[in-house]
């Protein structure tokens, strides 16, 4: 029997997972090198436009220009839209990740304009949108590919055609598919919990405090999930290595026994 090569559960950069193997005859080539500079620029833009700018805009409009809190909330929400637009223009491609982001930004704007527009109502509506994201994660478990597959492709490659093609090719392996679905399940449940907590806090804390801590809750949740995902990858990698070593030892013992019998 041919020897085997473990393959990756999350991105094209990690190569071990329990639940399946590649034969050496059909093993894919190593993933193309990522552009570290491009990834860093994208991260910095997201932090500035999606976290820092909304907070500064809200506080400036309310404290220095006398805007109402509801109006300032609506205007500060334009920065994440700009972040997405820049990324689409930069990549020159509207991929599934960008589509999901734009759809949720549109939902956020629509929800903000529907019903009561008190500051508390806007904060509750904003929190409900992240809950909808959690529901979307769970709903895509019924789709051909779960949502986290597209998130993994977005952040696990540098967006080049070679990197995307490599990542897409990993879907053929059962272990990779199972890992994507498990991560999607965890992310969906956590975001539902995060939304419930933020809605509850909207009724307890004042608006200025919620505007300040809300982005940190959103991206803190994202960071926590990212750390969990990294740990998940490391655990599956270690288990895959143990299984590969056990399979290799068993194959060697079988070959030795067969040789001795001959």
C-alpha atoms as a PDB file:
ATOM      1  CA  UNK A   1       0.000   0.000   0.000  1.00  0.00           C
ATOM      2  CA  UNK A   2       1.280   3.518  -0.752  1.00  0.00           C
ATOM      3  CA  UNK A   3       2.558   5.719   2.026  1.00  0.00           C
ATOM      4  CA  UNK A   4       0.361   8.633   3.008  1.00  0.00           C
ATOM      5  CA  UNK A   5       0.709  12.353   3.552  1.00  0.00           C
ATOM      6  CA  UNK A   6      -1.507  14.147   6.093  1.00  0.00           C
ATOM      7  CA  UNK A   7      -3.439  17.145   4.770  1.00  0.00           C
ATOM      8  CA  UNK A   8      -4.715  20.361   6.250  1.00  0.00           C
ATOM      9  CA  UNK A   9      -7.984  21.069   8.085  1.00  0.00           C
ATOM     10  CA  UNK A  10      -8.112  24.852   7.859  1.00  0.00           C
ATOM     11  CA  UNK A  11      -5.844  26.563   5.355  1.00  0.00           C
ATOM     12  CA  UNK A  12      -3.429  25.699   2.646  1.00  0.00           C
ATOM     13  CA  UNK A  13      -0.622  26.363   5.106  1.00  0.00           C
ATOM     14  CA  UNK A  14      -1.387  23.573   7.594  1.00  0.00           C
ATOM     15  CA  UNK A  15      -1.022  19.970   6.544  1.00  0.00           C
ATOM     16  CA  UNK A  16      -2.418  17.575   9.123  1.00  0.00           C
ATOM     17  CA  UNK A  17      -5.919  16.419   9.999  1.00  0.00           C
ATOM     18  CA  UNK A  18      -7.492  13.230  11.334  1.00  0.00           C
ATOM     19  CA  UNK A  19     -10.064  11.526   9.192  1.00  0.00           C
ATOM     20  CA  UNK A  20      -8.347  11.203   5.860  1.00  0.00           C
ATOM     21  CA  UNK A  21      -5.100  11.086   3.930  1.00  0.00           C
ATOM     22  CA  UNK A  22      -3.616  11.831   0.552  1.00  0.00           C
ATOM     23  CA  UNK A  23      -1.627   9.212  -1.304  1.00  0.00           C
ATOM     24  CA  UNK A  24       1.855  10.371  -2.273  1.00  0.00           C
ATOM     25  CA  UNK A  25       0.993   9.714  -5.896  1.00  0.00           C
ATOM     26  CA  UNK A  26      -1.868  12.230  -5.816  1.00  0.00           C
ATOM     27  CA  UNK A  27      -0.534  14.670  -3.197  1.00  0.00           C
ATOM     28  CA  UNK A  28      -1.021  18.291  -4.084  1.00  0.00           C
ATOM     29  CA  UNK A  29       1.988  20.594  -4.441  1.00  0.00           C
ATOM     30  CA  UNK A  30       2.993  22.819  -1.589  1.00  0.00           C
ATOM     31  CA  UNK A  31       0.831  25.923  -1.256  1.00  0.00           C
ATOM     32  CA  UNK A  32       2.117  29.086  -2.909  1.00  0.00           C
ATOM     33  CA  UNK A  33       3.879  31.591  -0.692  1.00  0.00           C
ATOM     34  CA  UNK A  34       1.684  34.287   0.816  1.00  0.00           C
ATOM     35  CA  UNK A  35       2.316  38.005   0.541  1.00  0.00           C
ATOM     36  CA  UNK A  36       2.854  38.975   4.184  1.00  0.00           C
ATOM     37  CA  UNK A  37       2.823  42.692   3.377  1.00  0.00           C
ATOM     38  CA  UNK A  38      -0.556  42.521   1.675  1.00  0.00           C
ATOM     39  CA  UNK A  39      -2.069  40.581   4.588  1.00  0.00           C
ATOM     40  CA  UNK A  40      -0.694  43.109   7.105  1.00  0.00           C
ATOM     41  CA  UNK A  41      -2.066  46.077   5.155  1.00  0.00           C
ATOM     42  CA  UNK A  42      -5.494  44.459   4.982  1.00  0.00           C
ATOM     43  CA  UNK A  43      -5.513  43.841   8.740  1.00  0.00           C
ATOM     44  CA  UNK A  44      -4.437  47.408   9.527  1.00  0.00           C
ATOM     45  CA  UNK A  45      -7.129  48.852   7.265  1.00  0.00           C
ATOM     46  CA  UNK A  46      -9.786  46.730   8.953  1.00  0.00           C
ATOM     47  CA  UNK A  47      -8.692  47.810  12.433  1.00  0.00           C
ATOM     48  CA  UNK A  48      -8.595  51.507  11.488  1.00  0.00           C
ATOM     49  CA  UNK A  49     -11.799  51.652   9.444  1.00  0.00           C
ATOM     50  CA  UNK A  50     -13.956  49.143  11.309  1.00  0.00           C
ATOM     51  CA  UNK A  51     -12.925  49.826  14.930  1.00  0.00           C
ATOM     52  CA  UNK A  52     -11.067  53.107  15.444  1.00  0.00           C
ATOM     53  CA  UNK A  53     -12.859  55.323  12.922  1.00  0.00           C
ATOM     54  CA  UNK A  54     -16.439  54.511  14.045  1.00  0.00           C
ATOM     55  CA  UNK A  55     -15.596  55.255  17.694  1.00  0.00           C
ATOM     56  CA  UNK A  56     -13.802  58.524  16.876  1.00  0.00           C
ATOM     57  CA  UNK A  57     -16.572  59.600  14.485  1.00  0.00           C
ATOM     58  CA  UNK A  58     -19.336  58.941  16.994  1.00  0.00           C
ATOM     59  CA  UNK A  59     -17.608  60.744  19.870  1.00  0.00           C
ATOM     60  CA  UNK A  60     -16.634  63.714  17.661  1.00  0.00           C
ATOM     61  CA  UNK A  61     -20.128  64.198  16.227  1.00  0.00           C
ATOM     62  CA  UNK A  62     -21.848  63.904  19.604  1.00  0.00           C
ATOM     63  CA  UNK A  63     -19.375  65.741  21.839  1.00  0.00           C
ATOM     64  CA  UNK A  64     -18.010  68.431  19.481  1.00  0.00           C
ATOM     65  CA  UNK A  65     -20.819  69.016  16.992  1.00  0.00           C
ATOM     66  CA  UNK A  66     -23.939  68.338  19.019  1.00  0.00           C
ATOM     67  CA  UNK A  67     -25.330  65.564  16.804  1.00  0.00           C
ATOM     68  CA  UNK A  68     -27.960  63.253  18.182  1.00  0.00           C
ATOM     69  CA  UNK A  69     -26.683  59.867  19.279  1.00  0.00           C
ATOM     70  CA  UNK A  70     -28.897  58.055  16.748  1.00  0.00           C
ATOM     71  CA  UNK A  71     -27.603  60.142  13.817  1.00  0.00           C
ATOM     72  CA  UNK A  72     -23.999  59.720  14.945  1.00  0.00           C
ATOM     73  CA  UNK A  73     -24.474  55.955  15.133  1.00  0.00           C
ATOM     74  CA  UNK A  74     -25.773  55.829  11.570  1.00  0.00           C
ATOM     75  CA  UNK A  75     -22.926  57.972  10.183  1.00  0.00           C
ATOM     76  CA  UNK A  76     -20.200  56.064  12.038  1.00  0.00           C
ATOM     77  CA  UNK A  77     -21.473  52.874  10.385  1.00  0.00           C
ATOM     78  CA  UNK A  78     -20.237  54.145   7.010  1.00  0.00           C
ATOM     79  CA  UNK A  79     -16.613  53.323   7.839  1.00  0.00           C
ATOM     80  CA  UNK A  80     -16.982  49.525   7.657  1.00  0.00           C
ATOM     81  CA  UNK A  81     -18.674  50.003   4.256  1.00  0.00           C
ATOM     82  CA  UNK A  82     -15.606  51.926   3.077  1.00  0.00           C
ATOM     83  CA  UNK A  83     -13.364  49.150   4.412  1.00  0.00           C
ATOM     84  CA  UNK A  84     -15.202  46.557   2.318  1.00  0.00           C
ATOM     85  CA  UNK A  85     -15.237  48.795  -0.763  1.00  0.00           C
ATOM     86  CA  UNK A  86     -11.472  49.308  -0.551  1.00  0.00           C
ATOM     87  CA  UNK A  87     -10.873  45.573  -0.271  1.00  0.00           C
ATOM     88  CA  UNK A  88     -13.080  44.847  -3.286  1.00  0.00           C
ATOM     89  CA  UNK A  89     -11.301  47.518  -5.349  1.00  0.00           C
ATOM     90  CA  UNK A  90      -7.914  46.265  -4.205  1.00  0.00           C
ATOM     91  CA  UNK A  91      -8.570  42.637  -5.086  1.00  0.00           C
ATOM     92  CA  UNK A  92     -10.591  43.628  -8.172  1.00  0.00           C
ATOM     93  CA  UNK A  93     -12.925  40.796  -7.375  1.00  0.00           C
ATOM     94  CA  UNK A  94     -16.225  40.512  -5.515  1.00  0.00           C
ATOM     95  CA  UNK A  95     -15.745  37.133  -3.867  1.00  0.00           C
ATOM     96  CA  UNK A  96     -18.163  35.297  -1.575  1.00  0.00           C
ATOM     97  CA  UNK A  97     -16.628  36.857   1.546  1.00  0.00           C
ATOM     98  CA  UNK A  98     -17.111  40.373   0.205  1.00  0.00           C
ATOM     99  CA  UNK A  99     -20.679  39.552  -0.834  1.00  0.00           C
ATOM    100  CA  UNK A 100     -21.537  38.301   2.658  1.00  0.00           C
ATOM    101  CA  UNK A 101     -19.987  41.421   4.195  1.00  0.00           C
ATOM    102  CA  UNK A 102     -21.889  43.770   1.897  1.00  0.00           C
ATOM    103  CA  UNK A 103     -25.166  41.925   2.470  1.00  0.00           C
ATOM    104  CA  UNK A 104     -24.825  42.255   6.224  1.00  0.00           C
ATOM    105  CA  UNK A 105     -23.885  45.907   5.970  1.00  0.00           C
ATOM    106  CA  UNK A 106     -27.026  46.440   3.867  1.00  0.00           C
ATOM    107  CA  UNK A 107     -29.093  44.533   6.427  1.00  0.00           C
ATOM    108  CA  UNK A 108     -27.606  46.662   9.201  1.00  0.00           C
ATOM    109  CA  UNK A 109     -28.544  49.867   7.366  1.00  0.00           C
ATOM    110  CA  UNK A 110     -32.053  48.615   6.584  1.00  0.00           C
ATOM    111  CA  UNK A 111     -32.671  47.435  10.128  1.00  0.00           C
ATOM    112  CA  UNK A 112     -31.434  50.777  11.467  1.00  0.00           C
ATOM    113  CA  UNK A 113     -34.032  52.625   9.414  1.00  0.00           C
ATOM    114  CA  UNK A 114     -36.946  50.328  10.301  1.00  0.00           C
ATOM    115  CA  UNK A 115     -38.997  50.842  13.429  1.00  0.00           C
ATOM    116  CA  UNK A 116     -37.950  52.956  16.384  1.00  0.00           C
ATOM    117  CA  UNK A 117     -34.726  54.919  15.974  1.00  0.00           C
ATOM    118  CA  UNK A 118     -33.828  55.660  19.552  1.00  0.00           C
ATOM    119  CA  UNK A 119     -30.186  55.134  20.392  1.00  0.00           C
ATOM    120  CA  UNK A 120     -31.036  52.043  22.411  1.00  0.00           C
ATOM    121  CA  UNK A 121     -33.088  50.625  19.556  1.00  0.00           C
ATOM    122  CA  UNK A 122     -30.205  51.182  17.125  1.00  0.00           C
ATOM    123  CA  UNK A 123     -27.777  49.415  19.438  1.00  0.00           C
ATOM    124  CA  UNK A 124     -30.175  46.496  19.868  1.00  0.00           C
ATOM    125  CA  UNK A 125     -30.681  46.272  16.110  1.00  0.00           C
ATOM    126  CA  UNK A 126     -26.925  46.316  15.527  1.00  0.00           C
ATOM    127  CA  UNK A 127     -26.507  43.489  18.023  1.00  0.00           C
ATOM    128  CA  UNK A 128     -29.283  41.534  16.346  1.00  0.00           C
ATOM    129  CA  UNK A 129     -27.375  41.669  13.057  1.00  0.00           C
ATOM    130  CA  UNK A 130     -24.450  39.734  14.550  1.00  0.00           C
ATOM    131  CA  UNK A 131     -27.020  37.256  15.792  1.00  0.00           C
ATOM    132  CA  UNK A 132     -28.204  36.927  12.200  1.00  0.00           C
ATOM    133  CA  UNK A 133     -24.612  36.191  11.242  1.00  0.00           C
ATOM    134  CA  UNK A 134     -24.603  33.353  13.745  1.00  0.00           C
ATOM    135  CA  UNK A 135     -27.828  32.026  12.259  1.00  0.00           C
ATOM    136  CA  UNK A 136     -26.316  32.283   8.785  1.00  0.00           C
ATOM    137  CA  UNK A 137     -23.334  30.202   9.916  1.00  0.00           C
ATOM    138  CA  UNK A 138     -25.663  27.493  11.171  1.00  0.00           C
ATOM    139  CA  UNK A 139     -27.858  27.666   8.065  1.00  0.00           C
ATOM    140  CA  UNK A 140     -24.873  27.150   5.751  1.00  0.00           C
ATOM    141  CA  UNK A 141     -24.216  23.805   7.396  1.00  0.00           C
ATOM    142  CA  UNK A 142     -27.021  22.629   5.094  1.00  0.00           C
ATOM    143  CA  UNK A 143     -25.345  24.187   2.029  1.00  0.00           C
ATOM    144  CA  UNK A 144     -22.757  22.469  -0.201  1.00  0.00           C
ATOM    145  CA  UNK A 145     -19.995  24.417   1.551  1.00  0.00           C
ATOM    146  CA  UNK A 146     -20.301  26.077   4.994  1.00  0.00           C
ATOM    147  CA  UNK A 147     -19.579  29.745   5.555  1.00  0.00           C
ATOM    148  CA  UNK A 148     -16.240  29.186   7.312  1.00  0.00           C
ATOM    149  CA  UNK A 149     -14.846  27.623   4.152  1.00  0.00           C
ATOM    150  CA  UNK A 150     -15.053  31.055   2.521  1.00  0.00           C
ATOM    151  CA  UNK A 151     -13.650  32.789   5.592  1.00  0.00           C
ATOM    152  CA  UNK A 152     -10.768  30.313   5.610  1.00  0.00           C
ATOM    153  CA  UNK A 153     -10.098  30.977   1.954  1.00  0.00           C
ATOM    154  CA  UNK A 154     -10.197  34.732   2.578  1.00  0.00           C
ATOM    155  CA  UNK A 155      -7.719  34.737   5.477  1.00  0.00           C
ATOM    156  CA  UNK A 156      -5.842  31.489   4.756  1.00  0.00           C
ATOM    157  CA  UNK A 157      -4.559  32.702   1.387  1.00  0.00           C
ATOM    158  CA  UNK A 158      -3.292  35.981   0.002  1.00  0.00           C
ATOM    159  CA  UNK A 159      -6.107  36.115  -2.547  1.00  0.00           C
ATOM    160  CA  UNK A 160      -3.973  35.237  -5.570  1.00  0.00           C
ATOM    161  CA  UNK A 161      -5.461  32.832  -8.147  1.00  0.00           C
ATOM    162  CA  UNK A 162      -2.845  30.225  -7.205  1.00  0.00           C
ATOM    163  CA  UNK A 163      -3.625  30.426  -3.492  1.00  0.00           C
ATOM    164  CA  UNK A 164      -7.386  30.336  -4.036  1.00  0.00           C
ATOM    165  CA  UNK A 165      -7.126  27.384  -6.429  1.00  0.00           C
ATOM    166  CA  UNK A 166      -5.025  25.450  -3.932  1.00  0.00           C
ATOM    167  CA  UNK A 167      -7.474  26.120  -1.123  1.00  0.00           C
ATOM    168  CA  UNK A 168     -10.471  25.154  -3.256  1.00  0.00           C
ATOM    169  CA  UNK A 169      -8.764  21.865  -4.051  1.00  0.00           C
ATOM    170  CA  UNK A 170      -8.693  20.881  -0.383  1.00  0.00           C
ATOM    171  CA  UNK A 171     -12.483  20.488  -0.358  1.00  0.00           C
ATOM    172  CA  UNK A 172     -12.207  17.065  -1.968  1.00  0.00           C
ATOM    173  CA  UNK A 173     -10.887  15.587   1.295  1.00  0.00           C
ATOM    174  CA  UNK A 174     -13.331  14.386   3.950  1.00  0.00           C
ATOM    175  CA  UNK A 175     -11.251  15.495   6.919  1.00  0.00           C
ATOM    176  CA  UNK A 176     -11.012  19.029   5.552  1.00  0.00           C
ATOM    177  CA  UNK A 177     -14.781  19.175   4.984  1.00  0.00           C
ATOM    178  CA  UNK A 178     -15.521  17.900   8.507  1.00  0.00           C
ATOM    179  CA  UNK A 179     -13.182  20.491  10.036  1.00  0.00           C
ATOM    180  CA  UNK A 180     -14.844  23.338   8.124  1.00  0.00           C
ATOM    181  CA  UNK A 181     -18.296  22.256   9.270  1.00  0.00           C
ATOM    182  CA  UNK A 182     -17.202  21.929  12.888  1.00  0.00           C
ATOM    183  CA  UNK A 183     -15.703  25.415  12.872  1.00  0.00           C
ATOM    184  CA  UNK A 184     -18.840  26.845  11.267  1.00  0.00           C
ATOM    185  CA  UNK A 185     -20.955  25.282  14.007  1.00  0.00           C
ATOM    186  CA  UNK A 186     -18.804  26.764  16.782  1.00  0.00           C
ATOM    187  CA  UNK A 187     -18.687  30.221  15.206  1.00  0.00           C
ATOM    188  CA  UNK A 188     -22.467  30.258  14.709  1.00  0.00           C
ATOM    189  CA  UNK A 189     -23.263  29.324  18.300  1.00  0.00           C
ATOM    190  CA  UNK A 190     -20.738  31.798  19.753  1.00  0.00           C
ATOM    191  CA  UNK A 191     -22.078  34.697  17.695  1.00  0.00           C
ATOM    192  CA  UNK A 192     -25.622  33.964  18.800  1.00  0.00           C
ATOM    193  CA  UNK A 193     -24.421  34.158  22.411  1.00  0.00           C
ATOM    194  CA  UNK A 194     -22.461  37.376  21.714  1.00  0.00           C
ATOM    195  CA  UNK A 195     -25.542  39.009  20.209  1.00  0.00           C
ATOM    196  CA  UNK A 196     -27.677  38.069  23.209  1.00  0.00           C
ATOM    197  CA  UNK A 197     -25.093  39.543  25.610  1.00  0.00           C
ATOM    198  CA  UNK A 198     -24.806  42.806  23.674  1.00  0.00           C
ATOM    199  CA  UNK A 199     -28.575  43.198  23.517  1.00  0.00           C
ATOM    200  CA  UNK A 200     -28.774  42.711  27.275  1.00  0.00           C
ATOM    201  CA  UNK A 201     -25.986  45.255  27.881  1.00  0.00           C
ATOM    202  CA  UNK A 202     -27.768  47.787  25.654  1.00  0.00           C
ATOM    203  CA  UNK A 203     -30.489  47.964  28.312  1.00  0.00           C
ATOM    204  CA  UNK A 204     -28.015  48.255  31.177  1.00  0.00           C
ATOM    205  CA  UNK A 205     -25.239  50.597  29.993  1.00  0.00           C
ATOM    206  CA  UNK A 206     -25.441  54.156  28.645  1.00  0.00           C
ATOM    207  CA  UNK A 207     -25.083  54.779  24.905  1.00  0.00           C
ATOM    208  CA  UNK A 208     -21.572  56.255  24.955  1.00  0.00           C
ATOM    209  CA  UNK A 209     -20.258  53.266  26.886  1.00  0.00           C
ATOM    210  CA  UNK A 210     -21.961  50.812  24.531  1.00  0.00           C
ATOM    211  CA  UNK A 211     -20.610  52.597  21.443  1.00  0.00           C
ATOM    212  CA  UNK A 212     -17.116  52.312  22.919  1.00  0.00           C
ATOM    213  CA  UNK A 213     -17.253  48.683  24.016  1.00  0.00           C
ATOM    214  CA  UNK A 214     -19.417  47.297  21.220  1.00  0.00           C
ATOM    215  CA  UNK A 215     -16.644  47.168  18.574  1.00  0.00           C
ATOM    216  CA  UNK A 216     -14.321  45.568  21.108  1.00  0.00           C
ATOM    217  CA  UNK A 217     -16.960  42.969  21.895  1.00  0.00           C
ATOM    218  CA  UNK A 218     -17.438  42.278  18.193  1.00  0.00           C
ATOM    219  CA  UNK A 219     -13.759  42.021  17.375  1.00  0.00           C
ATOM    220  CA  UNK A 220     -12.895  40.520  20.755  1.00  0.00           C
ATOM    221  CA  UNK A 221     -15.313  37.712  19.956  1.00  0.00           C
ATOM    222  CA  UNK A 222     -13.713  37.411  16.546  1.00  0.00           C
ATOM    223  CA  UNK A 223     -10.253  37.305  18.129  1.00  0.00           C
ATOM    224  CA  UNK A 224     -11.337  34.675  20.641  1.00  0.00           C
ATOM    225  CA  UNK A 225     -12.791  32.533  17.887  1.00  0.00           C
ATOM    226  CA  UNK A 226      -9.605  32.972  15.873  1.00  0.00           C
ATOM    227  CA  UNK A 227      -7.527  31.785  18.837  1.00  0.00           C
ATOM    228  CA  UNK A 228      -9.852  28.806  19.288  1.00  0.00           C
ATOM    229  CA  UNK A 229      -9.516  28.026  15.590  1.00  0.00           C
ATOM    230  CA  UNK A 230      -5.718  28.143  15.795  1.00  0.00           C
ATOM    231  CA  UNK A 231      -5.830  25.801  18.788  1.00  0.00           C
ATOM    232  CA  UNK A 232      -8.234  23.517  16.931  1.00  0.00           C
ATOM    233  CA  UNK A 233      -5.854  23.371  13.975  1.00  0.00           C
ATOM    234  CA  UNK A 234      -2.898  22.593  16.226  1.00  0.00           C
ATOM    235  CA  UNK A 235      -4.796  19.809  18.001  1.00  0.00           C
ATOM    236  CA  UNK A 236      -5.939  18.218  14.754  1.00  0.00           C
ATOM    237  CA  UNK A 237      -2.432  18.576  13.357  1.00  0.00           C
ATOM    238  CA  UNK A 238      -0.942  16.783  16.354  1.00  0.00           C
ATOM    239  CA  UNK A 239      -3.567  14.041  16.169  1.00  0.00           C
ATOM    240  CA  UNK A 240      -2.978  13.681  12.446  1.00  0.00           C
ATOM    241  CA  UNK A 241       0.746  13.297  13.038  1.00  0.00           C
ATOM    242  CA  UNK A 242       0.120  10.632  15.661  1.00  0.00           C
ATOM    243  CA  UNK A 243      -2.181   8.752  13.317  1.00  0.00           C
ATOM    244  CA  UNK A 244       0.281   9.039  10.452  1.00  0.00           C
ATOM    245  CA  UNK A 245       3.079   7.711  12.677  1.00  0.00           C
ATOM    246  CA  UNK A 246       0.892   4.843  13.883  1.00  0.00           C
ATOM    247  CA  UNK A 247      -0.095   3.953  10.317  1.00  0.00           C
ATOM    248  CA  UNK A 248       3.528   4.046   9.210  1.00  0.00           C
ATOM    249  CA  UNK A 249       4.582   1.818  12.111  1.00  0.00           C
ATOM    250  CA  UNK A 250       1.779  -0.638  11.358  1.00  0.00           C
ATOM    251  CA  UNK A 251       2.709  -0.726   7.676  1.00  0.00           C
ATOM    252  CA  UNK A 252       6.371  -1.314   8.541  1.00  0.00           C
ATOM    253  CA  UNK A 253       5.456  -4.129  10.954  1.00  0.00           C
ATOM    254  CA  UNK A 254       3.216  -5.745   8.341  1.00  0.00           C
ATOM    255  CA  UNK A 255       5.936  -5.534   5.725  1.00  0.00           C
ATOM    256  CA  UNK A 256       8.474  -7.060   8.124  1.00  0.00           C
ATOM    257  CA  UNK A 257       6.104  -9.870   9.036  1.00  0.00           C
ATOM    258  CA  UNK A 258       5.433 -10.574   5.380  1.00  0.00           C
ATOM    259  CA  UNK A 259       9.153 -10.587   4.665  1.00  0.00           C
ATOM    260  CA  UNK A 260       9.828 -12.953   7.544  1.00  0.00           C
ATOM    261  CA  UNK A 261       7.068 -15.332   6.384  1.00  0.00           C
ATOM    262  CA  UNK A 262       8.541 -15.407   2.885  1.00  0.00           C
END
